[in-house]
Amino acid sequence: ISYAEGAEGKSYGLAGKNWQWSDPTPAKANFQAAETGTNSNENTNSSGIKRIGATINEAKNAKSGAIVTVSGIVAAAFGEIAKNTFYIQDDTGGIAVVIESTALKISRGDFAVIKGKIKTSGGEKILSVDDEKKITVQSSGNNAEAWQMNIGDIDSQSLGLFIGVSGKVVELNPKGFIIDDGSGSLAILPP
């Protein structure tokens, strides 16, 4: 096999018919969470809630079209970013969940389990759900903490994360402002 670039701390293995990046499983069968929707190394995430399914990072590394089950805390509810989109995150990353029906009640801090299809939209991996019955809220009132980051560390892997940054305001403009923390600068566009 050949691949374009490696992912540090990950292994590249055959899961069913697809090659994919996943957490290493030395002396064990290749991990297949992205295809089966189960997580053979199920554990507790940093918020103390038991993870159900693949980690968000594993889901984001799955090929478009893969059916996955992930769980996480809602970091942005419907309407905060887009009408039919909410965001979840776990201790490995964040991902947008897109569903046409917005009748489902989702609030920031809900711990949800979602089964959907991985798609790519505008360069961002998203989880597309065709039926609200594939989303279950396990608990509410959990703390949706922002990941504190240096601006220079924000990259494409940060898509979907609820992040916190701090820095000095270096420019004001009609749409918002630009801050700089010494590692880089970032435009802040308030709603």
C-alpha atoms as a PDB file:
ATOM      1  CA  ILE A   1       0.000   0.000   0.000  1.00  0.00           C
ATOM      2  CA  SER A   2       0.978   3.627  -0.221  1.00  0.00           C
ATOM      3  CA  TYR A   3      -0.333   6.765   1.430  1.00  0.00           C
ATOM      4  CA  ALA A   4       0.250  10.495   1.076  1.00  0.00           C
ATOM      5  CA  GLU A   5       1.279  11.457   4.592  1.00  0.00           C
ATOM      6  CA  GLY A   6       1.360   9.837   7.994  1.00  0.00           C
ATOM      7  CA  ALA A   7      -0.493  10.839  11.110  1.00  0.00           C
ATOM      8  CA  GLU A   8       1.682  10.942  14.231  1.00  0.00           C
ATOM      9  CA  GLY A   9       0.589   8.399  16.843  1.00  0.00           C
ATOM     10  CA  LYS A  10      -1.792   6.657  14.414  1.00  0.00           C
ATOM     11  CA  SER A  11      -1.645   3.405  12.493  1.00  0.00           C
ATOM     12  CA  TYR A  12      -2.877   2.802   8.970  1.00  0.00           C
ATOM     13  CA  GLY A  13      -4.851  -0.421   8.745  1.00  0.00           C
ATOM     14  CA  LEU A  14      -7.458  -2.315   6.791  1.00  0.00           C
ATOM     15  CA  ALA A  15     -10.932  -2.058   8.314  1.00  0.00           C
ATOM     16  CA  GLY A  16     -13.281  -4.177   6.225  1.00  0.00           C
ATOM     17  CA  LYS A  17     -12.627  -3.050   2.644  1.00  0.00           C
ATOM     18  CA  ASN A  18     -11.191   0.373   3.483  1.00  0.00           C
ATOM     19  CA  TRP A  19      -7.746   1.513   4.619  1.00  0.00           C
ATOM     20  CA  GLN A  20      -7.964   4.132   7.361  1.00  0.00           C
ATOM     21  CA  TRP A  21      -6.051   5.885  10.125  1.00  0.00           C
ATOM     22  CA  SER A  22      -6.891   4.738  13.648  1.00  0.00           C
ATOM     23  CA  ASP A  23      -5.401   4.366  17.097  1.00  0.00           C
ATOM     24  CA  PRO A  24      -2.690   1.677  17.139  1.00  0.00           C
ATOM     25  CA  THR A  25      -3.708  -1.781  18.394  1.00  0.00           C
ATOM     26  CA  PRO A  26      -0.412  -3.636  18.906  1.00  0.00           C
ATOM     27  CA  ALA A  27      -0.745  -7.444  18.801  1.00  0.00           C
ATOM     28  CA  LYS A  28      -4.499  -7.133  18.198  1.00  0.00           C
ATOM     29  CA  ALA A  29      -6.756  -7.005  15.136  1.00  0.00           C
ATOM     30  CA  ASN A  30      -7.021  -3.663  13.336  1.00  0.00           C
ATOM     31  CA  PHE A  31      -9.454  -1.280  14.988  1.00  0.00           C
ATOM     32  CA  GLN A  32     -12.684  -0.959  12.987  1.00  0.00           C
ATOM     33  CA  ALA A  33     -14.742   1.666  14.830  1.00  0.00           C
ATOM     34  CA  ALA A  34     -15.357   3.789  11.753  1.00  0.00           C
ATOM     35  CA  GLU A  35     -17.108   0.923   9.959  1.00  0.00           C
ATOM     36  CA  THR A  36     -18.779  -0.984  12.759  1.00  0.00           C
ATOM     37  CA  GLY A  37     -19.794   1.991  14.858  1.00  0.00           C
ATOM     38  CA  THR A  38     -18.407   0.355  18.001  1.00  0.00           C
ATOM     39  CA  ASN A  39     -15.290   1.176  19.882  1.00  0.00           C
ATOM     40  CA  SER A  40     -13.256  -1.863  20.931  1.00  0.00           C
ATOM     41  CA  ASN A  41     -11.290   0.293  23.350  1.00  0.00           C
ATOM     42  CA  GLU A  42     -14.329   1.973  24.881  1.00  0.00           C
ATOM     43  CA  ASN A  43     -13.274   4.252  27.705  1.00  0.00           C
ATOM     44  CA  THR A  44     -14.187   7.355  29.611  1.00  0.00           C
ATOM     45  CA  ASN A  45     -13.512  10.716  27.989  1.00  0.00           C
ATOM     46  CA  SER A  46     -11.992  13.648  29.871  1.00  0.00           C
ATOM     47  CA  SER A  47     -15.413  14.843  31.062  1.00  0.00           C
ATOM     48  CA  GLY A  48     -15.879  11.559  32.972  1.00  0.00           C
ATOM     49  CA  ILE A  49     -18.682  10.325  30.693  1.00  0.00           C
ATOM     50  CA  LYS A  50     -18.355   6.869  29.161  1.00  0.00           C
ATOM     51  CA  ARG A  51     -17.689   7.142  25.427  1.00  0.00           C
ATOM     52  CA  ILE A  52     -20.085   5.321  23.111  1.00  0.00           C
ATOM     53  CA  GLY A  53     -18.803   4.407  19.656  1.00  0.00           C
ATOM     54  CA  ALA A  54     -15.776   5.854  17.915  1.00  0.00           C
ATOM     55  CA  THR A  55     -13.918   8.927  19.077  1.00  0.00           C
ATOM     56  CA  ILE A  56     -14.634  12.055  17.049  1.00  0.00           C
ATOM     57  CA  ASN A  57     -11.059  12.024  15.767  1.00  0.00           C
ATOM     58  CA  GLU A  58     -11.545   8.445  14.516  1.00  0.00           C
ATOM     59  CA  ALA A  59     -14.786   9.468  12.805  1.00  0.00           C
ATOM     60  CA  LYS A  60     -13.109  12.462  11.143  1.00  0.00           C
ATOM     61  CA  ASN A  61     -10.363  10.160   9.843  1.00  0.00           C
ATOM     62  CA  ALA A  62     -12.918   7.782   8.291  1.00  0.00           C
ATOM     63  CA  LYS A  63     -13.604   7.919   4.567  1.00  0.00           C
ATOM     64  CA  SER A  64     -16.568   9.893   3.293  1.00  0.00           C
ATOM     65  CA  GLY A  65     -19.583   7.601   3.177  1.00  0.00           C
ATOM     66  CA  ALA A  66     -18.599   5.571   6.257  1.00  0.00           C
ATOM     67  CA  ILE A  67     -21.403   4.999   8.773  1.00  0.00           C
ATOM     68  CA  VAL A  68     -20.187   5.781  12.297  1.00  0.00           C
ATOM     69  CA  THR A  69     -21.516   6.102  15.819  1.00  0.00           C
ATOM     70  CA  VAL A  70     -19.929   8.805  17.972  1.00  0.00           C
ATOM     71  CA  SER A  71     -20.755  10.483  21.242  1.00  0.00           C
ATOM     72  CA  GLY A  72     -19.893  13.839  22.701  1.00  0.00           C
ATOM     73  CA  ILE A  73     -21.027  16.939  24.507  1.00  0.00           C
ATOM     74  CA  VAL A  74     -22.940  19.513  22.493  1.00  0.00           C
ATOM     75  CA  ALA A  75     -20.724  22.589  22.202  1.00  0.00           C
ATOM     76  CA  ALA A  76     -23.030  24.590  19.886  1.00  0.00           C
ATOM     77  CA  ALA A  77     -26.769  23.987  19.497  1.00  0.00           C
ATOM     78  CA  PHE A  78     -29.008  24.444  16.448  1.00  0.00           C
ATOM     79  CA  GLY A  79     -28.958  28.038  15.207  1.00  0.00           C
ATOM     80  CA  GLU A  80     -25.730  29.059  16.946  1.00  0.00           C
ATOM     81  CA  ILE A  81     -23.702  28.314  13.800  1.00  0.00           C
ATOM     82  CA  ALA A  82     -26.316  27.207  11.242  1.00  0.00           C
ATOM     83  CA  LYS A  83     -30.031  26.408  11.273  1.00  0.00           C
ATOM     84  CA  ASN A  84     -29.752  22.631  10.798  1.00  0.00           C
ATOM     85  CA  THR A  85     -26.347  22.071  12.417  1.00  0.00           C
ATOM     86  CA  PHE A  86     -25.078  21.477  15.921  1.00  0.00           C
ATOM     87  CA  TYR A  87     -21.557  20.638  17.084  1.00  0.00           C
ATOM     88  CA  ILE A  88     -20.345  17.975  19.486  1.00  0.00           C
ATOM     89  CA  GLN A  89     -16.891  17.431  20.929  1.00  0.00           C
ATOM     90  CA  ASP A  90     -15.047  14.871  22.987  1.00  0.00           C
ATOM     91  CA  ASP A  91     -11.485  14.792  24.253  1.00  0.00           C
ATOM     92  CA  THR A  92     -10.174  14.024  20.733  1.00  0.00           C
ATOM     93  CA  GLY A  93     -11.899  16.699  18.633  1.00  0.00           C
ATOM     94  CA  GLY A  94     -15.122  18.267  17.444  1.00  0.00           C
ATOM     95  CA  ILE A  95     -17.497  17.674  14.537  1.00  0.00           C
ATOM     96  CA  ALA A  96     -20.564  19.267  12.986  1.00  0.00           C
ATOM     97  CA  VAL A  97     -23.749  17.187  12.998  1.00  0.00           C
ATOM     98  CA  VAL A  98     -26.107  18.110  10.163  1.00  0.00           C
ATOM     99  CA  ILE A  99     -29.748  16.994  10.072  1.00  0.00           C
ATOM    100  CA  GLU A 100     -32.562  18.395   7.955  1.00  0.00           C
ATOM    101  CA  SER A 101     -35.140  18.216  10.759  1.00  0.00           C
ATOM    102  CA  THR A 102     -34.611  20.739  13.506  1.00  0.00           C
ATOM    103  CA  ALA A 103     -37.546  19.529  15.615  1.00  0.00           C
ATOM    104  CA  LEU A 104     -35.063  17.673  17.817  1.00  0.00           C
ATOM    105  CA  LYS A 105     -34.342  19.467  21.093  1.00  0.00           C
ATOM    106  CA  ILE A 106     -30.566  19.819  21.516  1.00  0.00           C
ATOM    107  CA  SER A 107     -28.928  22.150  24.019  1.00  0.00           C
ATOM    108  CA  ARG A 108     -25.353  23.081  24.791  1.00  0.00           C
ATOM    109  CA  GLY A 109     -24.109  20.670  27.455  1.00  0.00           C
ATOM    110  CA  ASP A 110     -26.191  17.695  26.299  1.00  0.00           C
ATOM    111  CA  PHE A 111     -24.269  14.422  25.998  1.00  0.00           C
ATOM    112  CA  ALA A 112     -25.507  12.872  22.741  1.00  0.00           C
ATOM    113  CA  VAL A 113     -24.921   9.626  20.859  1.00  0.00           C
ATOM    114  CA  ILE A 114     -25.225   9.985  17.082  1.00  0.00           C
ATOM    115  CA  LYS A 115     -25.187   7.475  14.234  1.00  0.00           C
ATOM    116  CA  GLY A 116     -24.645   9.018  10.825  1.00  0.00           C
ATOM    117  CA  LYS A 117     -22.671   9.161   7.618  1.00  0.00           C
ATOM    118  CA  ILE A 118     -19.326  10.919   7.300  1.00  0.00           C
ATOM    119  CA  LYS A 119     -19.355  13.549   4.556  1.00  0.00           C
ATOM    120  CA  THR A 120     -17.085  16.393   3.517  1.00  0.00           C
ATOM    121  CA  SER A 121     -18.586  19.862   3.147  1.00  0.00           C
ATOM    122  CA  GLY A 122     -16.424  22.866   2.288  1.00  0.00           C
ATOM    123  CA  GLY A 123     -13.302  20.915   3.281  1.00  0.00           C
ATOM    124  CA  GLU A 124     -14.760  20.066   6.710  1.00  0.00           C
ATOM    125  CA  LYS A 125     -15.657  16.505   7.755  1.00  0.00           C
ATOM    126  CA  ILE A 126     -19.233  16.456   9.041  1.00  0.00           C
ATOM    127  CA  LEU A 127     -21.626  13.830  10.356  1.00  0.00           C
ATOM    128  CA  SER A 128     -24.832  13.749   8.311  1.00  0.00           C
ATOM    129  CA  VAL A 129     -27.916  12.264   9.971  1.00  0.00           C
ATOM    130  CA  ASP A 130     -31.039  11.376   7.978  1.00  0.00           C
ATOM    131  CA  ASP A 131     -33.364  10.559  10.903  1.00  0.00           C
ATOM    132  CA  GLU A 132     -33.568  12.277  14.297  1.00  0.00           C
ATOM    133  CA  LYS A 133     -34.133   8.827  15.878  1.00  0.00           C
ATOM    134  CA  LYS A 134     -30.419   8.195  15.252  1.00  0.00           C
ATOM    135  CA  ILE A 135     -29.618  10.894  17.833  1.00  0.00           C
ATOM    136  CA  THR A 136     -30.154  10.177  21.516  1.00  0.00           C
ATOM    137  CA  VAL A 137     -29.486  12.576  24.365  1.00  0.00           C
ATOM    138  CA  GLN A 138     -28.027  10.565  27.270  1.00  0.00           C
ATOM    139  CA  SER A 139     -27.693  13.431  29.770  1.00  0.00           C
ATOM    140  CA  SER A 140     -27.949  17.211  30.012  1.00  0.00           C
ATOM    141  CA  GLY A 141     -26.217  20.012  31.877  1.00  0.00           C
ATOM    142  CA  ASN A 142     -22.673  18.813  31.186  1.00  0.00           C
ATOM    143  CA  ASN A 143     -19.899  21.373  30.935  1.00  0.00           C
ATOM    144  CA  ALA A 144     -19.046  22.161  27.296  1.00  0.00           C
ATOM    145  CA  GLU A 145     -15.561  23.523  27.916  1.00  0.00           C
ATOM    146  CA  ALA A 146     -13.628  25.460  25.307  1.00  0.00           C
ATOM    147  CA  TRP A 147     -10.230  24.045  24.337  1.00  0.00           C
ATOM    148  CA  GLN A 148      -7.720  26.764  25.226  1.00  0.00           C
ATOM    149  CA  MET A 149      -5.371  27.115  22.260  1.00  0.00           C
ATOM    150  CA  ASN A 150      -2.629  29.304  20.899  1.00  0.00           C
ATOM    151  CA  ILE A 151      -3.717  30.941  17.666  1.00  0.00           C
ATOM    152  CA  GLY A 152      -0.687  29.495  15.861  1.00  0.00           C
ATOM    153  CA  ASP A 153      -1.865  25.959  16.726  1.00  0.00           C
ATOM    154  CA  ILE A 154      -5.259  26.343  15.052  1.00  0.00           C
ATOM    155  CA  ASP A 155      -5.368  24.303  11.847  1.00  0.00           C
ATOM    156  CA  SER A 156      -7.732  22.138   9.794  1.00  0.00           C
ATOM    157  CA  GLN A 157      -7.840  19.568  12.636  1.00  0.00           C
ATOM    158  CA  SER A 158      -9.407  22.295  14.795  1.00  0.00           C
ATOM    159  CA  LEU A 159     -12.533  22.438  12.618  1.00  0.00           C
ATOM    160  CA  GLY A 160     -15.559  21.645  14.747  1.00  0.00           C
ATOM    161  CA  LEU A 161     -13.929  22.461  18.081  1.00  0.00           C
ATOM    162  CA  PHE A 162     -15.236  24.938  20.617  1.00  0.00           C
ATOM    163  CA  ILE A 163     -12.009  26.825  21.322  1.00  0.00           C
ATOM    164  CA  GLY A 164     -10.886  29.662  23.524  1.00  0.00           C
ATOM    165  CA  VAL A 165      -8.126  32.084  22.600  1.00  0.00           C
ATOM    166  CA  SER A 166      -6.774  35.242  24.156  1.00  0.00           C
ATOM    167  CA  GLY A 167      -4.609  37.977  22.788  1.00  0.00           C
ATOM    168  CA  LYS A 168      -4.157  41.658  22.189  1.00  0.00           C
ATOM    169  CA  VAL A 169      -6.613  43.432  19.878  1.00  0.00           C
ATOM    170  CA  VAL A 170      -4.460  44.742  17.025  1.00  0.00           C
ATOM    171  CA  GLU A 171      -7.113  45.901  14.592  1.00  0.00           C
ATOM    172  CA  LEU A 172     -10.793  46.862  14.579  1.00  0.00           C
ATOM    173  CA  ASN A 173     -12.889  46.495  11.446  1.00  0.00           C
ATOM    174  CA  PRO A 174     -16.612  46.827  10.595  1.00  0.00           C
ATOM    175  CA  LYS A 175     -17.237  43.066  11.006  1.00  0.00           C
ATOM    176  CA  GLY A 176     -15.220  42.510  14.210  1.00  0.00           C
ATOM    177  CA  PHE A 177     -11.604  42.665  15.250  1.00  0.00           C
ATOM    178  CA  ILE A 178      -8.241  40.924  14.966  1.00  0.00           C
ATOM    179  CA  ILE A 179      -6.335  39.597  17.967  1.00  0.00           C
ATOM    180  CA  ASP A 180      -2.720  38.468  18.202  1.00  0.00           C
ATOM    181  CA  ASP A 181      -1.303  36.215  20.935  1.00  0.00           C
ATOM    182  CA  GLY A 182       2.316  36.207  19.773  1.00  0.00           C
ATOM    183  CA  SER A 183       1.941  32.878  17.937  1.00  0.00           C
ATOM    184  CA  GLY A 184      -0.343  34.295  15.252  1.00  0.00           C
ATOM    185  CA  SER A 185      -3.360  36.480  14.610  1.00  0.00           C
ATOM    186  CA  LEU A 186      -7.040  35.668  14.231  1.00  0.00           C
ATOM    187  CA  ALA A 187     -10.076  37.565  12.972  1.00  0.00           C
ATOM    188  CA  ILE A 188     -12.968  37.485  15.457  1.00  0.00           C
ATOM    189  CA  LEU A 189     -16.371  37.957  13.836  1.00  0.00           C
ATOM    190  CA  PRO A 190     -19.054  38.242  16.534  1.00  0.00           C
ATOM    191  CA  PRO A 191     -22.577  37.128  15.579  1.00  0.00           C
END
